[in-house]
Amino acid sequence: MLALCAYYEGRVPHNAEAFDHYVETVHLPLVARYPRLRELRYLKGVPRDGVAAKYYLSFELFFDSLEDFQFAAKSAERNLAVEDAKKLASQFEGEIHHVMYELNDVPIAPASI
């Protein structure tokens, strides 16, 4: 399995509530239409010990294979989402990183009581 992740490192300087609403109601539904997309996750950074999260948000897109990702990457659905992502970037202060990972599951030990 393959994961493509987008990390928004920084902050939303103006109207973070409107930005978040747009992400959830407009942008993510566009991304969810990618062909051959297996799973989509949206992670929102939370403050820890009173310090803002380094990454404001993250998107994780999962595909069964590199071929499935490449198919999605050439799709009209992705093109729409990429154009829409430019709107997000214009409202964001910081850097946006895209990273691709190969997923490898690691078994965990049963919890002891």
C-alpha atoms as a PDB file:
ATOM      1  CA  MET A   1       0.000   0.000   0.000  1.00  0.00           C
ATOM      2  CA  LEU A   2       1.100   3.550  -0.717  1.00  0.00           C
ATOM      3  CA  ALA A   3       0.380   6.787   1.155  1.00  0.00           C
ATOM      4  CA  LEU A   4       0.662  10.306  -0.196  1.00  0.00           C
ATOM      5  CA  CYS A   5       0.737  12.852   2.608  1.00  0.00           C
ATOM      6  CA  ALA A   6       0.408  16.620   2.519  1.00  0.00           C
ATOM      7  CA  TYR A   7       1.733  18.448   5.587  1.00  0.00           C
ATOM      8  CA  TYR A   8       0.735  22.068   6.172  1.00  0.00           C
ATOM      9  CA  GLU A   9       3.578  23.423   8.297  1.00  0.00           C
ATOM     10  CA  GLY A  10       2.648  26.816   9.688  1.00  0.00           C
ATOM     11  CA  ARG A  11      -0.579  28.611  10.452  1.00  0.00           C
ATOM     12  CA  VAL A  12      -3.665  30.272   9.074  1.00  0.00           C
ATOM     13  CA  PRO A  13      -3.125  33.974   9.820  1.00  0.00           C
ATOM     14  CA  HIS A  14      -6.723  35.069   9.164  1.00  0.00           C
ATOM     15  CA  ASN A  15     -10.017  33.341   9.943  1.00  0.00           C
ATOM     16  CA  ALA A  16      -8.845  29.818  10.716  1.00  0.00           C
ATOM     17  CA  GLU A  17     -12.457  28.752  11.328  1.00  0.00           C
ATOM     18  CA  ALA A  18     -13.452  29.647   7.744  1.00  0.00           C
ATOM     19  CA  PHE A  19     -10.301  27.940   6.416  1.00  0.00           C
ATOM     20  CA  ASP A  20     -11.113  24.734   8.328  1.00  0.00           C
ATOM     21  CA  HIS A  21     -14.725  24.821   7.168  1.00  0.00           C
ATOM     22  CA  TYR A  22     -13.587  25.173   3.545  1.00  0.00           C
ATOM     23  CA  VAL A  23     -11.156  22.263   3.916  1.00  0.00           C
ATOM     24  CA  GLU A  24     -13.863  20.021   5.350  1.00  0.00           C
ATOM     25  CA  THR A  25     -16.779  20.984   3.093  1.00  0.00           C
ATOM     26  CA  VAL A  26     -15.125  21.797  -0.239  1.00  0.00           C
ATOM     27  CA  HIS A  27     -11.548  20.593  -0.560  1.00  0.00           C
ATOM     28  CA  LEU A  28     -11.722  17.153   1.047  1.00  0.00           C
ATOM     29  CA  PRO A  29     -14.864  16.153  -0.872  1.00  0.00           C
ATOM     30  CA  LEU A  30     -12.936  16.961  -4.079  1.00  0.00           C
ATOM     31  CA  VAL A  31      -9.984  14.821  -2.975  1.00  0.00           C
ATOM     32  CA  ALA A  32     -12.347  12.006  -1.949  1.00  0.00           C
ATOM     33  CA  ARG A  33     -13.368  11.668  -5.619  1.00  0.00           C
ATOM     34  CA  TYR A  34      -9.906  10.541  -6.770  1.00  0.00           C
ATOM     35  CA  PRO A  35     -10.221   7.314  -8.706  1.00  0.00           C
ATOM     36  CA  ARG A  36      -8.696   4.265  -7.014  1.00  0.00           C
ATOM     37  CA  LEU A  37      -8.320   6.110  -3.700  1.00  0.00           C
ATOM     38  CA  ARG A  38      -8.556   3.505  -0.939  1.00  0.00           C
ATOM     39  CA  GLU A  39      -8.710   5.765   2.121  1.00  0.00           C
ATOM     40  CA  LEU A  40      -8.490   9.457   3.012  1.00  0.00           C
ATOM     41  CA  ARG A  41      -7.572  10.874   6.401  1.00  0.00           C
ATOM     42  CA  TYR A  42      -7.617  14.451   7.645  1.00  0.00           C
ATOM     43  CA  LEU A  43      -5.490  15.168  10.707  1.00  0.00           C
ATOM     44  CA  LYS A  44      -5.757  18.480  12.522  1.00  0.00           C
ATOM     45  CA  GLY A  45      -2.871  19.650  14.694  1.00  0.00           C
ATOM     46  CA  VAL A  46      -3.629  20.320  18.349  1.00  0.00           C
ATOM     47  CA  PRO A  47      -1.609  22.395  20.808  1.00  0.00           C
ATOM     48  CA  ARG A  48       0.568  20.490  23.230  1.00  0.00           C
ATOM     49  CA  ASP A  49       1.725  22.001  26.506  1.00  0.00           C
ATOM     50  CA  GLY A  50       0.384  25.354  25.338  1.00  0.00           C
ATOM     51  CA  VAL A  51       2.439  25.349  22.138  1.00  0.00           C
ATOM     52  CA  ALA A  52       0.772  25.395  18.732  1.00  0.00           C
ATOM     53  CA  ALA A  53       1.284  22.316  16.584  1.00  0.00           C
ATOM     54  CA  LYS A  54       4.112  22.602  14.055  1.00  0.00           C
ATOM     55  CA  TYR A  55       1.823  21.132  11.387  1.00  0.00           C
ATOM     56  CA  TYR A  56      -1.532  22.864  11.203  1.00  0.00           C
ATOM     57  CA  LEU A  57      -3.049  19.941   9.329  1.00  0.00           C
ATOM     58  CA  SER A  58      -2.213  16.883   7.311  1.00  0.00           C
ATOM     59  CA  PHE A  59      -3.962  14.895   4.613  1.00  0.00           C
ATOM     60  CA  GLU A  60      -3.201  11.211   4.056  1.00  0.00           C
ATOM     61  CA  LEU A  61      -4.282   9.555   0.817  1.00  0.00           C
ATOM     62  CA  PHE A  62      -3.957   5.786   0.556  1.00  0.00           C
ATOM     63  CA  PHE A  63      -3.680   3.752  -2.645  1.00  0.00           C
ATOM     64  CA  ASP A  64      -3.209   0.027  -3.173  1.00  0.00           C
ATOM     65  CA  SER A  65      -0.213   0.583  -5.462  1.00  0.00           C
ATOM     66  CA  LEU A  66       1.970   3.124  -7.210  1.00  0.00           C
ATOM     67  CA  GLU A  67       0.045   2.341 -10.401  1.00  0.00           C
ATOM     68  CA  ASP A  68      -3.233   3.285  -8.704  1.00  0.00           C
ATOM     69  CA  PHE A  69      -1.710   6.552  -7.490  1.00  0.00           C
ATOM     70  CA  GLN A  70      -0.377   7.305 -10.982  1.00  0.00           C
ATOM     71  CA  PHE A  71      -3.822   6.632 -12.445  1.00  0.00           C
ATOM     72  CA  ALA A  72      -5.387   9.053  -9.939  1.00  0.00           C
ATOM     73  CA  ALA A  73      -2.651  11.618 -10.577  1.00  0.00           C
ATOM     74  CA  LYS A  74      -3.681  11.850 -14.235  1.00  0.00           C
ATOM     75  CA  SER A  75      -7.394  12.204 -13.505  1.00  0.00           C
ATOM     76  CA  ALA A  76      -9.696  15.159 -13.989  1.00  0.00           C
ATOM     77  CA  GLU A  77     -10.754  14.746 -10.338  1.00  0.00           C
ATOM     78  CA  ARG A  78      -7.193  15.334  -9.157  1.00  0.00           C
ATOM     79  CA  ASN A  79      -6.804  18.338 -11.436  1.00  0.00           C
ATOM     80  CA  LEU A  80      -9.846  19.941  -9.802  1.00  0.00           C
ATOM     81  CA  ALA A  81      -8.484  19.267  -6.326  1.00  0.00           C
ATOM     82  CA  VAL A  82      -5.038  20.635  -7.255  1.00  0.00           C
ATOM     83  CA  GLU A  83      -6.600  23.861  -8.539  1.00  0.00           C
ATOM     84  CA  ASP A  84      -8.634  24.116  -5.350  1.00  0.00           C
ATOM     85  CA  ALA A  85      -5.514  23.512  -3.221  1.00  0.00           C
ATOM     86  CA  LYS A  86      -4.094  26.749  -4.623  1.00  0.00           C
ATOM     87  CA  LYS A  87      -6.910  28.583  -2.815  1.00  0.00           C
ATOM     88  CA  LEU A  88      -5.875  26.920   0.431  1.00  0.00           C
ATOM     89  CA  ALA A  89      -2.223  27.768  -0.113  1.00  0.00           C
ATOM     90  CA  SER A  90      -3.076  31.434  -0.661  1.00  0.00           C
ATOM     91  CA  GLN A  91      -4.722  31.550   2.785  1.00  0.00           C
ATOM     92  CA  PHE A  92      -1.939  29.662   4.535  1.00  0.00           C
ATOM     93  CA  GLU A  93       1.267  31.068   6.000  1.00  0.00           C
ATOM     94  CA  GLY A  94       4.042  28.499   5.925  1.00  0.00           C
ATOM     95  CA  GLU A  95       5.138  25.582   3.785  1.00  0.00           C
ATOM     96  CA  ILE A  96       3.213  22.685   2.328  1.00  0.00           C
ATOM     97  CA  HIS A  97       5.157  19.436   2.000  1.00  0.00           C
ATOM     98  CA  HIS A  98       4.111  16.395  -0.040  1.00  0.00           C
ATOM     99  CA  VAL A  99       5.661  13.056   0.890  1.00  0.00           C
ATOM    100  CA  MET A 100       5.004   9.568  -0.458  1.00  0.00           C
ATOM    101  CA  TYR A 101       5.374   6.504   1.761  1.00  0.00           C
ATOM    102  CA  GLU A 102       5.248   2.761   1.351  1.00  0.00           C
ATOM    103  CA  LEU A 103       3.157   1.375   4.201  1.00  0.00           C
ATOM    104  CA  ASN A 104       4.451  -1.506   6.276  1.00  0.00           C
ATOM    105  CA  ASP A 105       2.295  -2.849   9.097  1.00  0.00           C
ATOM    106  CA  VAL A 106       3.979  -3.755  12.349  1.00  0.00           C
ATOM    107  CA  PRO A 107       2.216  -6.184  14.683  1.00  0.00           C
ATOM    108  CA  ILE A 108       1.646  -4.912  18.185  1.00  0.00           C
ATOM    109  CA  ALA A 109       1.619  -6.913  21.385  1.00  0.00           C
ATOM    110  CA  PRO A 110      -1.730  -7.471  23.074  1.00  0.00           C
ATOM    111  CA  ALA A 111      -2.441  -4.971  25.831  1.00  0.00           C
ATOM    112  CA  SER A 112      -1.734  -6.216  29.333  1.00  0.00           C
ATOM    113  CA  ILE A 113      -4.121  -5.284  32.092  1.00  0.00           C
END
